[in-house]
Amino acid sequence: MARAQGARSQLAAAFETTYGTAPTSGFMQMPFASASLGAEQPLLASELLGYGRDPLAPIKDAVTADGDITVPLDAEAFGFWLKAAFGAPTTTGTTNKTHTFKSGSWSLPSMAIEVAMPEIPRFAMYTGCVLDQLSIAMQRSGLLTADVKLVAQGENVATATAAGTPTAYALQRFGHFNGAIKRNGTALGNIVSADLTYANNVERIETIRNDGRIDGADPSIAALTGKIDVRFADTTLMDQALNGTAASLEFSWVISANVSLTITAHAVYLPRPRVEIQGPQGIQASFDWQAAYDSVAGQMCTVVLKNQVSSY
């Protein structure tokens, strides 16, 4: 008897033309490290009395479909998730392409995502997937990945794939070694670690339906937040926090002039942190920053991905 193994699992995704309806073609094979995307339907215990001490049969509640996918930061496939987070980019260039994503779009594309366990066989198609959050952590070493949080409409399980033969992106991963952080265009030193999260704050449209699914997932006010841990070597960030002024933060990963990823938060505000002395070792300070709309840039956040993909 075959047993499901994560090593043999596959993930294919495509953007939908109609929300909740999987396309018949155009699926891309997506690299991933883990996935908790799934549907669940809890049971409601019977509240009825008068039938003795043993309970009556439970009834089914509404269906909830959501979960997280951990994906690598790479030069090509990551653009798919950026489109899901920000909407379609503006693409320029000929052979070498520059894709520019901007925050603030009121309309986000939905996706159909199939998680395959071919040895069972079990092919679970999740339709109406909308990206709720995209999180990235920066550090000195280790594997560079992003966490994608999704809200889906529902799940359809079959014994054969509905994604056909997906097209694979050329995998070229960014590493922490390729990363850098700039403040107002100047390299920011003494950074121990950093993380950022872009949230669409998706709202489930929970209407009454005979299948228990949601009617849609609409983006609300976006948020771009994060945290930077720094060795306390100067007062640049502390002065900004005390003054209550904004500065831009740029997070970038560069492999070459034609392969790079840059995330710019145009107006970042810093809180006043507590600076603690916990022993003879170096002193660190943590800033839980928040980004806001910048009138000069025209948006809160801009993401630029350079690669050789024609379009997303």
C-alpha atoms as a PDB file:
ATOM      1  CA  MET A   1       0.000   0.000   0.000  1.00  0.00           C
ATOM      2  CA  ALA A   2       1.375   3.412  -0.983  1.00  0.00           C
ATOM      3  CA  ARG A   3       1.956   5.981   1.724  1.00  0.00           C
ATOM      4  CA  ALA A   4       1.958   9.717   1.152  1.00  0.00           C
ATOM      5  CA  GLN A   5       5.340  11.405   1.457  1.00  0.00           C
ATOM      6  CA  GLY A   6       6.119  15.094   1.359  1.00  0.00           C
ATOM      7  CA  ALA A   7       9.105  14.442  -0.903  1.00  0.00           C
ATOM      8  CA  ARG A   8       6.759  13.273  -3.668  1.00  0.00           C
ATOM      9  CA  SER A   9       4.160  16.014  -3.253  1.00  0.00           C
ATOM     10  CA  GLN A  10       3.742  18.727  -5.855  1.00  0.00           C
ATOM     11  CA  LEU A  11       2.111  22.124  -5.965  1.00  0.00           C
ATOM     12  CA  ALA A  12       0.681  23.755  -9.085  1.00  0.00           C
ATOM     13  CA  ALA A  13      -0.979  27.167  -9.273  1.00  0.00           C
ATOM     14  CA  ALA A  14      -2.689  29.397 -11.821  1.00  0.00           C
ATOM     15  CA  PHE A  15      -4.603  32.653 -11.712  1.00  0.00           C
ATOM     16  CA  GLU A  16      -8.356  32.448 -12.163  1.00  0.00           C
ATOM     17  CA  THR A  17     -10.432  34.386 -14.657  1.00  0.00           C
ATOM     18  CA  THR A  18     -13.572  33.877 -12.567  1.00  0.00           C
ATOM     19  CA  TYR A  19     -13.352  33.742  -8.780  1.00  0.00           C
ATOM     20  CA  GLY A  20     -13.740  30.195  -7.511  1.00  0.00           C
ATOM     21  CA  THR A  21     -13.401  28.570 -10.948  1.00  0.00           C
ATOM     22  CA  ALA A  22     -10.148  26.771 -11.726  1.00  0.00           C
ATOM     23  CA  PRO A  23      -8.768  27.424 -15.223  1.00  0.00           C
ATOM     24  CA  THR A  24      -8.323  24.491 -17.570  1.00  0.00           C
ATOM     25  CA  SER A  25      -4.746  25.415 -18.454  1.00  0.00           C
ATOM     26  CA  GLY A  26      -1.899  27.754 -17.557  1.00  0.00           C
ATOM     27  CA  PHE A  27      -0.806  26.055 -14.334  1.00  0.00           C
ATOM     28  CA  MET A  28       2.741  26.622 -13.115  1.00  0.00           C
ATOM     29  CA  GLN A  29       4.714  24.202 -10.972  1.00  0.00           C
ATOM     30  CA  MET A  30       5.608  26.124  -7.834  1.00  0.00           C
ATOM     31  CA  PRO A  31       8.628  25.389  -5.615  1.00  0.00           C
ATOM     32  CA  PHE A  32       7.656  25.099  -1.951  1.00  0.00           C
ATOM     33  CA  ALA A  33       9.049  23.797   1.328  1.00  0.00           C
ATOM     34  CA  SER A  34       5.827  23.140   3.240  1.00  0.00           C
ATOM     35  CA  ALA A  35       2.089  23.674   2.875  1.00  0.00           C
ATOM     36  CA  SER A  36      -0.773  23.658   5.364  1.00  0.00           C
ATOM     37  CA  LEU A  37      -3.393  24.745   2.826  1.00  0.00           C
ATOM     38  CA  GLY A  38      -6.532  22.718   3.416  1.00  0.00           C
ATOM     39  CA  ALA A  39     -10.249  22.716   4.101  1.00  0.00           C
ATOM     40  CA  GLU A  40     -11.941  21.768   7.343  1.00  0.00           C
ATOM     41  CA  GLN A  41     -15.554  21.435   8.393  1.00  0.00           C
ATOM     42  CA  PRO A  42     -16.182  21.078  12.125  1.00  0.00           C
ATOM     43  CA  LEU A  43     -19.067  19.211  13.696  1.00  0.00           C
ATOM     44  CA  LEU A  44     -21.607  20.888  15.974  1.00  0.00           C
ATOM     45  CA  ALA A  45     -22.692  18.855  18.965  1.00  0.00           C
ATOM     46  CA  SER A  46     -26.429  18.414  19.385  1.00  0.00           C
ATOM     47  CA  GLU A  47     -28.005  20.645  22.047  1.00  0.00           C
ATOM     48  CA  LEU A  48     -31.363  18.832  22.102  1.00  0.00           C
ATOM     49  CA  LEU A  49     -32.754  17.425  25.336  1.00  0.00           C
ATOM     50  CA  GLY A  50     -35.154  14.644  26.143  1.00  0.00           C
ATOM     51  CA  TYR A  51     -33.389  11.780  24.372  1.00  0.00           C
ATOM     52  CA  GLY A  52     -31.442  10.383  27.309  1.00  0.00           C
ATOM     53  CA  ARG A  53     -27.834  10.955  28.359  1.00  0.00           C
ATOM     54  CA  ASP A  54     -26.329   9.820  25.066  1.00  0.00           C
ATOM     55  CA  PRO A  55     -26.079  12.693  22.549  1.00  0.00           C
ATOM     56  CA  LEU A  56     -27.777  12.772  19.187  1.00  0.00           C
ATOM     57  CA  ALA A  57     -25.739  12.831  15.988  1.00  0.00           C
ATOM     58  CA  PRO A  58     -23.784  16.068  15.340  1.00  0.00           C
ATOM     59  CA  ILE A  59     -24.378  18.259  12.299  1.00  0.00           C
ATOM     60  CA  LYS A  60     -21.875  19.819   9.925  1.00  0.00           C
ATOM     61  CA  ASP A  61     -20.814  23.473  10.273  1.00  0.00           C
ATOM     62  CA  ALA A  62     -19.508  25.851   7.577  1.00  0.00           C
ATOM     63  CA  VAL A  63     -16.402  25.024   5.533  1.00  0.00           C
ATOM     64  CA  THR A  64     -13.180  26.924   6.201  1.00  0.00           C
ATOM     65  CA  ALA A  65     -10.417  26.719   3.601  1.00  0.00           C
ATOM     66  CA  ASP A  66      -7.110  28.460   4.255  1.00  0.00           C
ATOM     67  CA  GLY A  67      -3.504  27.818   5.201  1.00  0.00           C
ATOM     68  CA  ASP A  68       0.140  28.740   4.735  1.00  0.00           C
ATOM     69  CA  ILE A  69       2.707  27.856   2.089  1.00  0.00           C
ATOM     70  CA  THR A  70       6.442  28.305   2.663  1.00  0.00           C
ATOM     71  CA  VAL A  71       8.168  29.226  -0.585  1.00  0.00           C
ATOM     72  CA  PRO A  72      11.747  30.159  -1.506  1.00  0.00           C
ATOM     73  CA  LEU A  73      12.703  33.678  -2.510  1.00  0.00           C
ATOM     74  CA  ASP A  74      13.789  33.062  -6.063  1.00  0.00           C
ATOM     75  CA  ALA A  75      14.240  35.063  -9.230  1.00  0.00           C
ATOM     76  CA  GLU A  76      11.217  33.777 -11.169  1.00  0.00           C
ATOM     77  CA  ALA A  77       8.524  31.882  -9.250  1.00  0.00           C
ATOM     78  CA  PHE A  78       8.379  34.469  -6.462  1.00  0.00           C
ATOM     79  CA  GLY A  79       6.924  36.939  -8.957  1.00  0.00           C
ATOM     80  CA  PHE A  80       3.779  34.778  -9.023  1.00  0.00           C
ATOM     81  CA  TRP A  81       3.244  35.372  -5.294  1.00  0.00           C
ATOM     82  CA  LEU A  82       4.053  39.071  -5.670  1.00  0.00           C
ATOM     83  CA  LYS A  83       1.279  39.357  -8.263  1.00  0.00           C
ATOM     84  CA  ALA A  84      -1.078  37.625  -5.829  1.00  0.00           C
ATOM     85  CA  ALA A  85      -0.078  40.092  -3.090  1.00  0.00           C
ATOM     86  CA  PHE A  86      -0.050  43.352  -5.058  1.00  0.00           C
ATOM     87  CA  GLY A  87      -1.813  42.727  -8.363  1.00  0.00           C
ATOM     88  CA  ALA A  88      -0.355  42.666 -11.857  1.00  0.00           C
ATOM     89  CA  PRO A  89       2.979  44.484 -12.261  1.00  0.00           C
ATOM     90  CA  THR A  90       4.172  46.990 -14.814  1.00  0.00           C
ATOM     91  CA  THR A  91       6.781  45.180 -16.931  1.00  0.00           C
ATOM     92  CA  THR A  92       9.503  46.866 -18.952  1.00  0.00           C
ATOM     93  CA  GLY A  93      12.582  45.678 -20.830  1.00  0.00           C
ATOM     94  CA  THR A  94      13.301  43.273 -23.677  1.00  0.00           C
ATOM     95  CA  THR A  95      15.327  40.171 -22.822  1.00  0.00           C
ATOM     96  CA  ASN A  96      15.916  41.246 -19.242  1.00  0.00           C
ATOM     97  CA  LYS A  97      12.614  42.224 -17.649  1.00  0.00           C
ATOM     98  CA  THR A  98      11.861  44.592 -14.798  1.00  0.00           C
ATOM     99  CA  HIS A  99       8.561  43.924 -13.023  1.00  0.00           C
ATOM    100  CA  THR A 100       7.324  46.706 -10.751  1.00  0.00           C
ATOM    101  CA  PHE A 101       4.619  45.897  -8.195  1.00  0.00           C
ATOM    102  CA  LYS A 102       2.861  48.611  -6.197  1.00  0.00           C
ATOM    103  CA  SER A 103       0.754  48.450  -3.053  1.00  0.00           C
ATOM    104  CA  GLY A 104      -2.733  49.859  -2.783  1.00  0.00           C
ATOM    105  CA  SER A 105      -4.635  47.952  -5.473  1.00  0.00           C
ATOM    106  CA  TRP A 106      -8.320  47.495  -4.627  1.00  0.00           C
ATOM    107  CA  SER A 107      -8.574  44.387  -6.792  1.00  0.00           C
ATOM    108  CA  LEU A 108      -6.430  41.297  -6.220  1.00  0.00           C
ATOM    109  CA  PRO A 109      -6.320  38.235  -8.487  1.00  0.00           C
ATOM    110  CA  SER A 110      -7.580  34.924  -7.169  1.00  0.00           C
ATOM    111  CA  MET A 111      -5.766  31.639  -7.711  1.00  0.00           C
ATOM    112  CA  ALA A 112      -6.440  27.955  -8.121  1.00  0.00           C
ATOM    113  CA  ILE A 113      -3.850  25.837  -6.319  1.00  0.00           C
ATOM    114  CA  GLU A 114      -3.566  22.072  -6.589  1.00  0.00           C
ATOM    115  CA  VAL A 115      -1.705  20.118  -3.918  1.00  0.00           C
ATOM    116  CA  ALA A 116      -0.861  16.674  -5.283  1.00  0.00           C
ATOM    117  CA  MET A 117      -0.050  13.459  -3.446  1.00  0.00           C
ATOM    118  CA  PRO A 118       0.313  11.186  -6.470  1.00  0.00           C
ATOM    119  CA  GLU A 119       1.064   7.958  -4.605  1.00  0.00           C
ATOM    120  CA  ILE A 120      -2.412   7.818  -2.949  1.00  0.00           C
ATOM    121  CA  PRO A 121      -3.545   9.276  -5.429  1.00  0.00           C
ATOM    122  CA  ARG A 122      -5.007  12.505  -4.008  1.00  0.00           C
ATOM    123  CA  PHE A 123      -5.198  15.746  -5.958  1.00  0.00           C
ATOM    124  CA  ALA A 124      -6.747  18.567  -3.902  1.00  0.00           C
ATOM    125  CA  MET A 125      -7.710  21.661  -5.892  1.00  0.00           C
ATOM    126  CA  TYR A 126      -8.230  24.828  -3.864  1.00  0.00           C
ATOM    127  CA  THR A 127     -10.132  27.508  -5.747  1.00  0.00           C
ATOM    128  CA  GLY A 128     -10.731  31.150  -4.921  1.00  0.00           C
ATOM    129  CA  CYS A 129      -7.354  31.496  -3.185  1.00  0.00           C
ATOM    130  CA  VAL A 130      -6.545  35.096  -2.231  1.00  0.00           C
ATOM    131  CA  LEU A 131      -3.256  36.106  -0.626  1.00  0.00           C
ATOM    132  CA  ASP A 132      -3.765  37.508   2.854  1.00  0.00           C
ATOM    133  CA  GLN A 133      -0.176  37.924   4.094  1.00  0.00           C
ATOM    134  CA  LEU A 134       3.357  37.675   2.745  1.00  0.00           C
ATOM    135  CA  SER A 135       6.163  37.491   5.313  1.00  0.00           C
ATOM    136  CA  ILE A 136       9.948  37.477   4.859  1.00  0.00           C
ATOM    137  CA  ALA A 137      12.713  37.209   7.449  1.00  0.00           C
ATOM    138  CA  MET A 138      16.300  38.373   6.934  1.00  0.00           C
ATOM    139  CA  GLN A 139      19.279  37.042   8.881  1.00  0.00           C
ATOM    140  CA  ARG A 140      22.962  36.321   8.434  1.00  0.00           C
ATOM    141  CA  SER A 141      22.713  32.660   7.409  1.00  0.00           C
ATOM    142  CA  GLY A 142      20.255  29.887   6.665  1.00  0.00           C
ATOM    143  CA  LEU A 143      17.719  29.312   3.898  1.00  0.00           C
ATOM    144  CA  LEU A 144      15.830  32.358   2.662  1.00  0.00           C
ATOM    145  CA  THR A 145      12.100  31.673   2.437  1.00  0.00           C
ATOM    146  CA  ALA A 146       8.789  33.511   2.593  1.00  0.00           C
ATOM    147  CA  ASP A 147       5.534  32.516   4.264  1.00  0.00           C
ATOM    148  CA  VAL A 148       2.393  32.962   2.163  1.00  0.00           C
ATOM    149  CA  LYS A 149      -0.933  33.014   4.021  1.00  0.00           C
ATOM    150  CA  LEU A 150      -3.963  32.256   1.868  1.00  0.00           C
ATOM    151  CA  VAL A 151      -7.744  32.406   2.181  1.00  0.00           C
ATOM    152  CA  ALA A 152      -9.546  30.012  -0.168  1.00  0.00           C
ATOM    153  CA  GLN A 153     -13.171  29.421  -1.090  1.00  0.00           C
ATOM    154  CA  GLY A 154     -13.155  25.644  -1.080  1.00  0.00           C
ATOM    155  CA  GLU A 155     -11.528  22.318  -1.803  1.00  0.00           C
ATOM    156  CA  ASN A 156     -12.244  19.709  -4.471  1.00  0.00           C
ATOM    157  CA  VAL A 157     -10.466  16.365  -4.140  1.00  0.00           C
ATOM    158  CA  ALA A 158      -9.987  14.021  -7.108  1.00  0.00           C
ATOM    159  CA  THR A 159      -7.946  10.958  -7.994  1.00  0.00           C
ATOM    160  CA  ALA A 160      -6.459  12.588 -11.102  1.00  0.00           C
ATOM    161  CA  THR A 161      -4.852  15.949 -11.649  1.00  0.00           C
ATOM    162  CA  ALA A 162      -6.859  18.868 -12.996  1.00  0.00           C
ATOM    163  CA  ALA A 163      -3.729  20.957 -13.546  1.00  0.00           C
ATOM    164  CA  GLY A 164      -2.447  19.012 -16.538  1.00  0.00           C
ATOM    165  CA  THR A 165       1.309  19.184 -16.978  1.00  0.00           C
ATOM    166  CA  PRO A 166       2.395  22.393 -15.217  1.00  0.00           C
ATOM    167  CA  THR A 167       5.128  24.602 -16.645  1.00  0.00           C
ATOM    168  CA  ALA A 168       8.113  24.930 -14.335  1.00  0.00           C
ATOM    169  CA  TYR A 169       9.937  28.165 -13.581  1.00  0.00           C
ATOM    170  CA  ALA A 170      13.721  28.185 -13.781  1.00  0.00           C
ATOM    171  CA  LEU A 171      14.799  27.977 -10.156  1.00  0.00           C
ATOM    172  CA  GLN A 172      17.442  30.499  -9.089  1.00  0.00           C
ATOM    173  CA  ARG A 173      17.240  31.191  -5.376  1.00  0.00           C
ATOM    174  CA  PHE A 174      18.259  34.290  -3.492  1.00  0.00           C
ATOM    175  CA  GLY A 175      20.241  33.737  -0.315  1.00  0.00           C
ATOM    176  CA  HIS A 176      20.755  35.745   2.836  1.00  0.00           C
ATOM    177  CA  PHE A 177      24.267  36.408   1.545  1.00  0.00           C
ATOM    178  CA  ASN A 178      22.675  38.454  -1.291  1.00  0.00           C
ATOM    179  CA  GLY A 179      20.690  40.641   1.128  1.00  0.00           C
ATOM    180  CA  ALA A 180      21.149  44.250   2.184  1.00  0.00           C
ATOM    181  CA  ILE A 181      19.136  46.945   3.951  1.00  0.00           C
ATOM    182  CA  LYS A 182      19.225  50.661   3.174  1.00  0.00           C
ATOM    183  CA  ARG A 183      17.734  53.639   4.991  1.00  0.00           C
ATOM    184  CA  ASN A 184      17.032  56.668   2.807  1.00  0.00           C
ATOM    185  CA  GLY A 185      19.325  55.178   0.163  1.00  0.00           C
ATOM    186  CA  THR A 186      22.280  54.609   2.516  1.00  0.00           C
ATOM    187  CA  ALA A 187      23.373  51.173   3.712  1.00  0.00           C
ATOM    188  CA  LEU A 188      22.163  50.508   7.244  1.00  0.00           C
ATOM    189  CA  GLY A 189      24.803  48.790   9.370  1.00  0.00           C
ATOM    190  CA  ASN A 190      24.752  46.788  12.587  1.00  0.00           C
ATOM    191  CA  ILE A 191      21.553  44.938  11.623  1.00  0.00           C
ATOM    192  CA  VAL A 192      21.362  41.557  13.359  1.00  0.00           C
ATOM    193  CA  SER A 193      18.042  40.437  11.862  1.00  0.00           C
ATOM    194  CA  ALA A 194      14.987  41.901  10.188  1.00  0.00           C
ATOM    195  CA  ASP A 195      11.558  40.803   9.068  1.00  0.00           C
ATOM    196  CA  LEU A 196       8.694  42.329   7.143  1.00  0.00           C
ATOM    197  CA  THR A 197       5.061  41.401   6.569  1.00  0.00           C
ATOM    198  CA  TYR A 198       2.738  42.766   3.906  1.00  0.00           C
ATOM    199  CA  ALA A 199      -0.892  42.128   4.844  1.00  0.00           C
ATOM    200  CA  ASN A 200      -3.939  42.634   2.639  1.00  0.00           C
ATOM    201  CA  ASN A 201      -6.182  42.030   5.673  1.00  0.00           C
ATOM    202  CA  VAL A 202      -8.552  39.972   3.559  1.00  0.00           C
ATOM    203  CA  GLU A 203     -12.180  39.868   4.704  1.00  0.00           C
ATOM    204  CA  ARG A 204     -14.157  36.689   4.123  1.00  0.00           C
ATOM    205  CA  ILE A 205     -17.606  37.324   2.599  1.00  0.00           C
ATOM    206  CA  GLU A 206     -19.596  34.843   4.662  1.00  0.00           C
ATOM    207  CA  THR A 207     -23.005  34.710   2.994  1.00  0.00           C
ATOM    208  CA  ILE A 208     -25.632  31.986   3.279  1.00  0.00           C
ATOM    209  CA  ARG A 209     -24.954  29.236   0.732  1.00  0.00           C
ATOM    210  CA  ASN A 210     -25.996  25.624   0.414  1.00  0.00           C
ATOM    211  CA  ASP A 211     -22.370  24.469   0.122  1.00  0.00           C
ATOM    212  CA  GLY A 212     -21.090  26.243   3.246  1.00  0.00           C
ATOM    213  CA  ARG A 213     -18.409  28.175   1.334  1.00  0.00           C
ATOM    214  CA  ILE A 214     -17.638  31.868   1.330  1.00  0.00           C
ATOM    215  CA  ASP A 215     -18.771  34.141  -1.499  1.00  0.00           C
ATOM    216  CA  GLY A 216     -15.455  35.930  -1.815  1.00  0.00           C
ATOM    217  CA  ALA A 217     -12.431  37.412  -0.085  1.00  0.00           C
ATOM    218  CA  ASP A 218     -12.015  41.179  -0.315  1.00  0.00           C
ATOM    219  CA  PRO A 219      -8.871  43.124   0.628  1.00  0.00           C
ATOM    220  CA  SER A 220      -9.220  45.764   3.321  1.00  0.00           C
ATOM    221  CA  ILE A 221      -6.737  48.428   4.461  1.00  0.00           C
ATOM    222  CA  ALA A 222      -3.262  47.072   3.739  1.00  0.00           C
ATOM    223  CA  ALA A 223      -0.442  47.017   6.265  1.00  0.00           C
ATOM    224  CA  LEU A 224       3.320  46.770   5.959  1.00  0.00           C
ATOM    225  CA  THR A 225       5.028  46.107   9.258  1.00  0.00           C
ATOM    226  CA  GLY A 226       8.203  44.521  10.501  1.00  0.00           C
ATOM    227  CA  LYS A 227      10.978  44.395  13.031  1.00  0.00           C
ATOM    228  CA  ILE A 228      14.664  45.176  12.915  1.00  0.00           C
ATOM    229  CA  ASP A 229      17.142  44.136  15.604  1.00  0.00           C
ATOM    230  CA  VAL A 230      20.263  46.295  15.665  1.00  0.00           C
ATOM    231  CA  ARG A 231      23.484  46.427  17.629  1.00  0.00           C
ATOM    232  CA  PHE A 232      23.400  49.718  19.502  1.00  0.00           C
ATOM    233  CA  ALA A 233      26.309  51.530  17.806  1.00  0.00           C
ATOM    234  CA  ASP A 234      24.806  54.944  16.971  1.00  0.00           C
ATOM    235  CA  THR A 235      21.622  56.947  17.545  1.00  0.00           C
ATOM    236  CA  THR A 236      20.398  57.221  13.943  1.00  0.00           C
ATOM    237  CA  LEU A 237      17.331  55.037  14.410  1.00  0.00           C
ATOM    238  CA  MET A 238      16.743  56.203  17.973  1.00  0.00           C
ATOM    239  CA  ASP A 239      16.742  59.839  16.866  1.00  0.00           C
ATOM    240  CA  GLN A 240      14.218  59.024  14.143  1.00  0.00           C
ATOM    241  CA  ALA A 241      12.002  57.272  16.671  1.00  0.00           C
ATOM    242  CA  LEU A 242      12.162  60.213  19.104  1.00  0.00           C
ATOM    243  CA  ASN A 243      11.497  62.781  16.369  1.00  0.00           C
ATOM    244  CA  GLY A 244       8.561  60.832  14.931  1.00  0.00           C
ATOM    245  CA  THR A 245       9.780  61.342  11.373  1.00  0.00           C
ATOM    246  CA  ALA A 246       9.550  58.903   8.484  1.00  0.00           C
ATOM    247  CA  ALA A 247      12.347  57.347   6.458  1.00  0.00           C
ATOM    248  CA  SER A 248      12.437  54.839   3.629  1.00  0.00           C
ATOM    249  CA  LEU A 249      13.656  51.303   4.208  1.00  0.00           C
ATOM    250  CA  GLU A 250      14.870  49.229   1.273  1.00  0.00           C
ATOM    251  CA  PHE A 251      15.296  45.467   1.540  1.00  0.00           C
ATOM    252  CA  SER A 252      17.153  43.978  -1.411  1.00  0.00           C
ATOM    253  CA  TRP A 253      18.658  40.736  -2.665  1.00  0.00           C
ATOM    254  CA  VAL A 254      20.980  40.998  -5.657  1.00  0.00           C
ATOM    255  CA  ILE A 255      22.519  38.165  -7.667  1.00  0.00           C
ATOM    256  CA  SER A 256      23.495  40.281 -10.672  1.00  0.00           C
ATOM    257  CA  ALA A 257      22.500  43.483 -12.447  1.00  0.00           C
ATOM    258  CA  ASN A 258      19.695  41.586 -14.201  1.00  0.00           C
ATOM    259  CA  VAL A 259      18.578  39.322 -11.340  1.00  0.00           C
ATOM    260  CA  SER A 260      17.442  41.062  -8.174  1.00  0.00           C
ATOM    261  CA  LEU A 261      14.546  41.694  -5.792  1.00  0.00           C
ATOM    262  CA  THR A 262      14.008  45.022  -4.050  1.00  0.00           C
ATOM    263  CA  ILE A 263      11.253  45.839  -1.561  1.00  0.00           C
ATOM    264  CA  THR A 264      10.963  49.509  -0.638  1.00  0.00           C
ATOM    265  CA  ALA A 265       8.803  50.818   2.190  1.00  0.00           C
ATOM    266  CA  HIS A 266       8.666  54.517   1.361  1.00  0.00           C
ATOM    267  CA  ALA A 267       7.585  55.993   4.701  1.00  0.00           C
ATOM    268  CA  VAL A 268       8.597  53.970   7.753  1.00  0.00           C
ATOM    269  CA  TYR A 269       7.881  55.098  11.293  1.00  0.00           C
ATOM    270  CA  LEU A 270       9.785  53.735  14.293  1.00  0.00           C
ATOM    271  CA  PRO A 271       8.577  53.370  17.885  1.00  0.00           C
ATOM    272  CA  ARG A 272      10.748  54.338  20.819  1.00  0.00           C
ATOM    273  CA  PRO A 273      12.291  51.072  22.029  1.00  0.00           C
ATOM    274  CA  ARG A 274      13.514  49.953  25.404  1.00  0.00           C
ATOM    275  CA  VAL A 275      17.310  49.628  25.490  1.00  0.00           C
ATOM    276  CA  GLU A 276      18.327  46.954  27.979  1.00  0.00           C
ATOM    277  CA  ILE A 277      21.727  45.931  29.320  1.00  0.00           C
ATOM    278  CA  GLN A 278      21.562  42.187  29.931  1.00  0.00           C
ATOM    279  CA  GLY A 279      25.211  41.442  30.641  1.00  0.00           C
ATOM    280  CA  PRO A 280      28.693  42.041  29.313  1.00  0.00           C
ATOM    281  CA  GLN A 281      27.766  41.210  25.717  1.00  0.00           C
ATOM    282  CA  GLY A 282      26.828  43.748  23.076  1.00  0.00           C
ATOM    283  CA  ILE A 283      23.692  45.819  23.542  1.00  0.00           C
ATOM    284  CA  GLN A 284      20.845  45.482  21.054  1.00  0.00           C
ATOM    285  CA  ALA A 285      17.683  47.441  20.348  1.00  0.00           C
ATOM    286  CA  SER A 286      14.555  46.254  18.548  1.00  0.00           C
ATOM    287  CA  PHE A 287      12.323  48.493  16.457  1.00  0.00           C
ATOM    288  CA  ASP A 288       8.831  47.274  15.521  1.00  0.00           C
ATOM    289  CA  TRP A 289       8.312  49.538  12.517  1.00  0.00           C
ATOM    290  CA  GLN A 290       5.206  50.473  10.569  1.00  0.00           C
ATOM    291  CA  ALA A 291       4.986  51.801   7.020  1.00  0.00           C
ATOM    292  CA  ALA A 292       2.449  54.302   5.718  1.00  0.00           C
ATOM    293  CA  TYR A 293       1.380  55.917   2.467  1.00  0.00           C
ATOM    294  CA  ASP A 294       3.971  58.253   0.980  1.00  0.00           C
ATOM    295  CA  SER A 295       2.602  61.122  -1.096  1.00  0.00           C
ATOM    296  CA  VAL A 296       5.818  61.538  -3.101  1.00  0.00           C
ATOM    297  CA  ALA A 297       6.058  57.868  -4.127  1.00  0.00           C
ATOM    298  CA  GLY A 298       2.297  57.598  -4.522  1.00  0.00           C
ATOM    299  CA  GLN A 299       2.065  54.362  -2.532  1.00  0.00           C
ATOM    300  CA  MET A 300       3.216  52.705   0.652  1.00  0.00           C
ATOM    301  CA  CYS A 301       5.388  50.033  -0.923  1.00  0.00           C
ATOM    302  CA  THR A 302       7.111  49.278  -4.233  1.00  0.00           C
ATOM    303  CA  VAL A 303       8.586  45.912  -5.186  1.00  0.00           C
ATOM    304  CA  VAL A 304      10.921  45.548  -8.168  1.00  0.00           C
ATOM    305  CA  LEU A 305      11.806  42.091  -9.475  1.00  0.00           C
ATOM    306  CA  LYS A 306      14.361  41.706 -12.266  1.00  0.00           C
ATOM    307  CA  ASN A 307      14.544  38.466 -14.237  1.00  0.00           C
ATOM    308  CA  GLN A 308      13.867  37.025 -17.714  1.00  0.00           C
ATOM    309  CA  VAL A 309      10.183  36.155 -17.285  1.00  0.00           C
ATOM    310  CA  SER A 310       8.096  37.844 -19.971  1.00  0.00           C
ATOM    311  CA  SER A 311       5.014  38.500 -17.836  1.00  0.00           C
ATOM    312  CA  TYR A 312       3.081  37.421 -14.768  1.00  0.00           C
END
